[in-house]
Amino acid sequence: MTQAIERLEKLFNFQSGDSAPGCVWLVGAGPGDVELLTLKALRLIKSADVVVYDRLVSDEIMAEVPSSTLSIDVGKKPGSHGLKQAQINQLLADLAASGRRVVRLKGGDPSIFGRGGEEMLFLQQAGITCQIVPGITAAAGCAAASGIPLTHRDCAQSLRLITGHGKSGEPQLDDASLAASNQTLVFYMGLKWSASISAQLQAHGRAADTPVAIIENGTRPDQRVMVTTLADLTVTIAREQAQSPALLLVGEVVRFYRQPQSAGLNAISLMAK
C-alpha cells in the first residue's frame, strides 16, 4: 500500500506528510443534500489533507472539497467493488501514518450500516487516532424529505433500522417481532432482496397490505418516492425500475404520505385511495 500512496503523490503532485502521525475522521456526509452536512463535517472537509470518499457522497458535497485537497474515490457499487474493505482500511492507516489529516467521507452516518465500526477498529489496532463525526442517516433524511414521520403516537411506537443485505447476501429476518404493526421498519440496501424481505415479513405475520415507501435518491433533486404495499413490493420495484441508492420504509406511517406539489420531486402513489 505504501507504493500505492507514492503513486498517488506523483499523480496528484501531492507532497509527503509530516513525520508526526496523522489522524482519521470518519465523517457522515448525510443522504445527499449538501445543506444537511453538519458544521463540524464541513469544517473537517475544508481542512483535510486527503478526502477518501464513497460513491454515495453527492457531487454537491464533493464540490465543497478544496481543489488543492487530494480526493480518492473508493466507491463500492453493488456487485462491483473498486477497493475491497481491507484495502480501504489499509489505505486510511497508511495515509494517516505518513502524517496526513484524513477525512473518510461516507454517505449517511458512518456507524449505521456504513462499516465505520470496522474501519475504526482497524485504525485503533494500528495505533492511528480516529474519531467519528455523525451524519444524518438515510432513514431520517429520506423520511423527512418525503414528509413521512418515522414514528407517530397513533400507529408507530417504535422504529427499527435493518440491513437489507446481510453479510452473506440475503438477509435472514428470523425475528417474529418484526410482524408487529405498531412499528416502522426501514431497510437499507433492500432493493436486491426485496422479494425475500416481503416474503419473510409476511411469513412472520405482517399484513400483505402494509404500506411501503420506496425512496430513491432521498433528499436529492432527483428524489423519487414510490408508495405501494408489502404484497406488491417486488412487482412495483421491477415496473418502476427503482435504482440504488434507495431504502424501503415499511409501516402504517407511510399512509401519512402525500404526493408533493413541487415539480422538483418525483412521486408515484400506487396504493388504493
Protein backbone atom coordinates (compact mmCIF):
# COMPACT_ATOMS: atom_id res chain seq x y z
CA MET A 1 0.00 0.00 0.00
CA THR A 2 2.97 2.33 0.58
CA GLN A 3 3.82 2.07 -3.13
CA ALA A 4 0.22 2.95 -3.97
CA ILE A 5 0.49 6.10 -1.87
CA GLU A 6 3.73 7.05 -3.58
CA ARG A 7 1.99 6.67 -6.95
CA LEU A 8 -0.86 8.89 -5.72
CA GLU A 9 1.67 11.53 -4.66
CA LYS A 10 3.20 11.56 -8.11
CA LEU A 11 -0.16 11.51 -9.88
CA PHE A 12 -1.59 14.42 -7.90
CA ASN A 13 1.71 16.21 -7.22
CA PHE A 14 0.99 15.77 -3.54
CA GLN A 15 3.86 16.28 -1.10
CA SER A 16 4.75 13.85 1.67
CA GLY A 17 3.12 14.47 5.02
CA ASP A 18 4.78 15.45 8.29
CA SER A 19 6.85 12.93 10.19
CA ALA A 20 4.36 13.02 13.07
CA PRO A 21 1.43 10.60 12.77
CA GLY A 22 -1.74 11.98 11.27
CA CYS A 23 -5.32 11.13 12.12
CA VAL A 24 -8.54 9.93 10.52
CA TRP A 25 -12.02 11.33 10.91
CA LEU A 26 -14.88 9.06 9.88
CA VAL A 27 -17.33 11.70 8.69
CA GLY A 28 -21.00 11.24 7.87
CA ALA A 29 -21.98 13.12 4.71
CA GLY A 30 -25.71 12.54 5.18
CA PRO A 31 -28.05 11.23 2.48
CA GLY A 32 -27.05 13.68 -0.24
CA ASP A 33 -28.39 17.18 0.36
CA VAL A 34 -25.33 19.37 0.94
CA GLU A 35 -27.26 21.55 3.38
CA LEU A 36 -27.69 18.54 5.68
CA LEU A 37 -23.95 18.41 6.38
CA THR A 38 -23.07 19.25 9.96
CA LEU A 39 -20.89 22.28 10.61
CA LYS A 40 -18.18 20.01 12.01
CA ALA A 41 -18.25 17.81 8.91
CA LEU A 42 -17.90 20.85 6.65
CA ARG A 43 -15.03 22.25 8.71
CA LEU A 44 -13.13 18.97 8.55
CA ILE A 45 -13.73 18.62 4.81
CA LYS A 46 -12.30 22.10 4.27
CA SER A 47 -9.19 21.44 6.38
CA ALA A 48 -8.32 17.85 5.40
CA ASP A 49 -5.17 16.86 3.53
CA VAL A 50 -6.94 13.90 1.96
CA VAL A 51 -10.61 13.02 1.48
CA VAL A 52 -11.39 9.34 0.90
CA TYR A 53 -14.99 9.11 -0.25
CA ASP A 54 -17.73 6.66 -1.18
CA ARG A 55 -19.98 6.63 -4.23
CA LEU A 56 -22.98 7.70 -2.11
CA VAL A 57 -21.41 11.06 -1.38
CA SER A 58 -23.17 13.52 -3.69
CA ASP A 59 -21.44 15.72 -6.24
CA GLU A 60 -22.72 18.80 -4.38
CA ILE A 61 -20.93 17.70 -1.23
CA MET A 62 -17.74 16.82 -3.09
CA ALA A 63 -17.81 20.32 -4.56
CA GLU A 64 -17.11 21.58 -1.03
CA VAL A 65 -13.73 19.82 -1.03
CA PRO A 66 -10.98 22.36 -1.85
CA SER A 67 -9.38 21.80 -5.24
CA SER A 68 -5.98 21.55 -3.56
CA THR A 69 -7.09 18.57 -1.46
CA LEU A 70 -6.30 15.06 -2.64
CA SER A 71 -9.62 13.22 -3.18
CA ILE A 72 -9.62 9.43 -3.51
CA ASP A 73 -12.70 7.60 -4.76
CA VAL A 74 -13.05 4.18 -3.14
CA GLY A 75 -16.72 3.83 -4.03
CA LYS A 76 -18.22 0.37 -3.95
CA LYS A 77 -21.14 -0.38 -6.23
CA PRO A 78 -23.45 -3.39 -5.82
CA GLY A 79 -21.62 -6.33 -7.39
CA SER A 80 -18.60 -4.21 -8.31
CA HIS A 81 -16.14 -3.10 -5.64
CA GLY A 82 -13.46 -0.59 -6.52
CA LEU A 83 -11.37 -1.47 -3.46
CA LYS A 84 -12.03 -4.24 -1.01
CA GLN A 85 -12.77 -3.17 2.54
CA ALA A 86 -9.41 -4.48 3.78
CA GLN A 87 -7.65 -2.33 1.18
CA ILE A 88 -9.61 0.74 2.24
CA ASN A 89 -8.69 0.10 5.87
CA GLN A 90 -5.01 -0.14 4.99
CA LEU A 91 -5.14 2.95 2.78
CA LEU A 92 -6.57 5.02 5.64
CA ALA A 93 -3.91 3.74 8.02
CA ASP A 94 -1.06 4.40 5.58
CA LEU A 95 -2.25 7.92 4.77
CA ALA A 96 -2.53 8.82 8.44
CA ALA A 97 0.76 7.14 9.35
CA SER A 98 2.50 9.40 6.84
CA GLY A 99 1.32 12.48 8.73
CA ARG A 100 -1.84 13.39 6.84
CA ARG A 101 -5.17 14.62 8.17
CA VAL A 102 -7.60 12.21 6.54
CA VAL A 103 -11.36 12.57 6.20
CA ARG A 104 -13.10 9.31 5.38
CA LEU A 105 -16.32 10.65 3.92
CA LYS A 106 -19.30 8.29 3.99
CA GLY A 107 -22.89 8.63 2.85
CA GLY A 108 -25.35 8.84 5.74
CA ASP A 109 -23.85 8.05 9.14
CA PRO A 110 -20.57 6.10 9.47
CA SER A 111 -21.91 3.96 12.31
CA ILE A 112 -25.19 2.91 10.69
CA PHE A 113 -24.52 0.25 8.03
CA GLY A 114 -21.53 2.30 6.85
CA ARG A 115 -18.82 -0.13 8.03
CA GLY A 116 -17.39 2.68 10.09
CA GLY A 117 -17.01 0.33 13.04
CA GLU A 118 -14.71 -1.94 11.04
CA GLU A 119 -12.54 0.94 9.90
CA MET A 120 -12.38 2.42 13.39
CA LEU A 121 -11.29 -0.90 14.93
CA PHE A 122 -8.59 -1.40 12.27
CA LEU A 123 -7.22 2.09 12.80
CA GLN A 124 -7.23 1.74 16.57
CA GLN A 125 -5.32 -1.53 16.30
CA ALA A 126 -2.83 0.21 14.01
CA GLY A 127 -2.29 2.94 16.60
CA ILE A 128 -3.95 5.64 14.46
CA THR A 129 -6.02 8.35 16.10
CA CYS A 130 -9.59 8.01 14.83
CA GLN A 131 -12.75 9.98 15.56
CA ILE A 132 -16.33 9.57 14.32
CA VAL A 133 -18.36 12.56 13.17
CA PRO A 134 -22.02 11.51 12.90
CA GLY A 135 -24.18 12.37 9.92
CA ILE A 136 -27.88 12.31 9.19
CA THR A 137 -28.68 8.70 8.40
CA ALA A 138 -30.74 7.83 5.32
CA ALA A 139 -33.79 6.75 7.34
CA ALA A 140 -34.16 10.17 8.96
CA GLY A 141 -33.18 12.19 5.92
CA CYS A 142 -35.25 10.33 3.33
CA ALA A 143 -38.34 10.10 5.53
CA ALA A 144 -38.20 13.82 6.31
CA ALA A 145 -37.68 14.75 2.66
CA SER A 146 -40.72 12.62 1.80
CA GLY A 147 -42.91 14.09 4.53
CA ILE A 148 -43.30 10.73 6.26
CA PRO A 149 -42.94 10.58 10.07
CA LEU A 150 -40.86 7.63 11.22
CA THR A 151 -42.96 7.38 14.36
CA HIS A 152 -46.48 8.52 15.21
CA ARG A 153 -48.28 8.07 18.50
CA ASP A 154 -51.36 6.65 16.73
CA CYS A 155 -49.66 3.86 14.78
CA ALA A 156 -45.90 3.54 15.33
CA GLN A 157 -44.36 3.48 18.78
CA SER A 158 -41.02 2.01 17.75
CA LEU A 159 -38.52 2.19 14.89
CA ARG A 160 -36.10 -0.44 13.62
CA LEU A 161 -33.25 0.09 11.17
CA ILE A 162 -32.41 -3.13 9.32
CA THR A 163 -29.84 -4.01 6.68
CA GLY A 164 -31.45 -5.39 3.56
CA HIS A 165 -28.20 -7.01 2.55
CA GLY A 166 -26.73 -9.46 5.05
CA LYS A 167 -23.06 -10.35 5.41
CA SER A 168 -23.60 -13.37 3.18
CA GLY A 169 -26.14 -11.69 0.90
CA GLU A 170 -29.77 -12.50 1.55
CA PRO A 171 -30.98 -11.13 4.90
CA GLN A 172 -32.36 -13.56 7.46
CA LEU A 173 -35.29 -11.96 9.24
CA ASP A 174 -35.80 -14.57 11.93
CA ASP A 175 -37.31 -12.21 14.48
CA ALA A 176 -41.08 -12.73 14.74
CA SER A 177 -41.44 -9.34 16.45
CA LEU A 178 -40.99 -7.74 13.03
CA ALA A 179 -44.64 -8.59 12.40
CA ALA A 180 -45.89 -6.07 14.96
CA SER A 181 -47.96 -3.46 13.14
CA ASN A 182 -47.15 -0.65 15.59
CA GLN A 183 -43.55 -0.26 14.48
CA THR A 184 -41.80 1.22 11.47
CA LEU A 185 -39.17 -0.82 9.67
CA VAL A 186 -36.54 0.81 7.48
CA PHE A 187 -34.46 -1.43 5.22
CA TYR A 188 -31.14 -0.13 3.91
CA MET A 189 -29.83 -1.62 0.65
CA GLY A 190 -33.01 -3.65 0.28
CA LEU A 191 -33.79 -3.48 -3.43
CA LYS A 192 -31.94 -6.63 -4.48
CA TRP A 193 -33.53 -8.78 -1.78
CA SER A 194 -36.96 -7.10 -1.78
CA ALA A 195 -38.75 -10.34 -2.71
CA SER A 196 -37.14 -12.14 0.22
CA ILE A 197 -37.84 -9.26 2.61
CA SER A 198 -41.50 -9.14 1.58
CA ALA A 199 -41.94 -12.90 1.83
CA GLN A 200 -40.22 -13.17 5.22
CA LEU A 201 -42.19 -10.31 6.75
CA GLN A 202 -45.49 -11.79 5.56
CA ALA A 203 -44.45 -15.23 6.78
CA HIS A 204 -43.89 -13.73 10.23
CA GLY A 205 -47.40 -12.27 10.08
CA ARG A 206 -47.01 -8.77 8.74
CA ALA A 207 -50.15 -7.92 6.74
CA ALA A 208 -49.88 -8.06 2.95
CA ASP A 209 -51.50 -4.63 2.65
CA THR A 210 -48.90 -2.98 4.90
CA PRO A 211 -47.86 0.21 3.10
CA VAL A 212 -44.29 0.54 1.85
CA ALA A 213 -42.47 3.60 0.55
CA ILE A 214 -39.56 3.07 -1.83
CA ILE A 215 -37.46 6.23 -1.55
CA GLU A 216 -34.90 6.61 -4.31
CA ASN A 217 -32.14 9.25 -4.15
CA GLY A 218 -33.65 10.64 -0.97
CA THR A 219 -33.11 14.37 -0.19
CA ARG A 220 -31.59 14.97 -3.64
CA PRO A 221 -33.12 16.97 -6.50
CA ASP A 222 -33.97 13.73 -8.34
CA GLN A 223 -35.64 12.11 -5.34
CA ARG A 224 -38.42 9.71 -6.26
CA VAL A 225 -40.98 8.20 -3.89
CA MET A 226 -43.00 5.12 -4.86
CA VAL A 227 -45.74 4.07 -2.45
CA THR A 228 -47.04 0.52 -2.66
CA THR A 229 -47.85 -2.41 -0.37
CA LEU A 230 -45.81 -5.27 1.03
CA ALA A 231 -47.54 -7.74 -1.29
CA ASP A 232 -46.83 -5.62 -4.38
CA LEU A 233 -43.34 -4.51 -3.40
CA THR A 234 -41.32 -6.63 -5.82
CA VAL A 235 -43.52 -6.02 -8.85
CA THR A 236 -43.50 -2.29 -8.12
CA ILE A 237 -39.72 -2.15 -7.97
CA ALA A 238 -39.49 -4.02 -11.26
CA ARG A 239 -42.17 -1.97 -13.02
CA GLU A 240 -40.86 1.41 -11.87
CA GLN A 241 -37.21 0.32 -12.34
CA ALA A 242 -36.21 1.61 -8.92
CA GLN A 243 -32.48 2.17 -8.64
CA SER A 244 -29.95 2.32 -5.83
CA PRO A 245 -29.47 4.25 -3.61
CA ALA A 246 -32.92 3.57 -2.25
CA LEU A 247 -34.42 2.46 1.02
CA LEU A 248 -37.63 0.68 1.93
CA LEU A 249 -39.82 2.23 4.59
CA VAL A 250 -42.40 -0.26 5.88
CA GLY A 251 -45.28 0.58 8.18
CA GLU A 252 -48.52 2.40 8.79
CA VAL A 253 -46.74 5.77 8.91
CA VAL A 254 -46.44 5.58 5.13
CA ARG A 255 -50.18 6.29 4.96
CA PHE A 256 -49.42 9.86 6.02
CA TYR A 257 -47.52 10.39 2.79
CA ARG A 258 -48.98 12.96 0.43
CA GLN A 259 -47.67 13.49 -3.07
CA PRO A 260 -45.84 16.85 -3.07
CA GLN A 261 -46.96 19.63 -5.35
CA SER A 262 -43.37 20.66 -6.04
CA ALA A 263 -42.30 19.85 -9.59
CA GLY A 264 -38.82 19.21 -8.26
CA LEU A 265 -39.77 15.88 -6.71
CA ASN A 266 -41.00 12.80 -8.48
CA ALA A 267 -43.64 10.81 -6.63
CA ILE A 268 -45.76 7.84 -7.57
CA SER A 269 -48.61 6.63 -5.38
CA LEU A 270 -49.60 3.08 -6.18
CA MET A 271 -51.92 2.45 -3.24
CA ALA A 272 -55.67 2.44 -3.45
CA LYS A 273 -57.21 5.60 -2.05
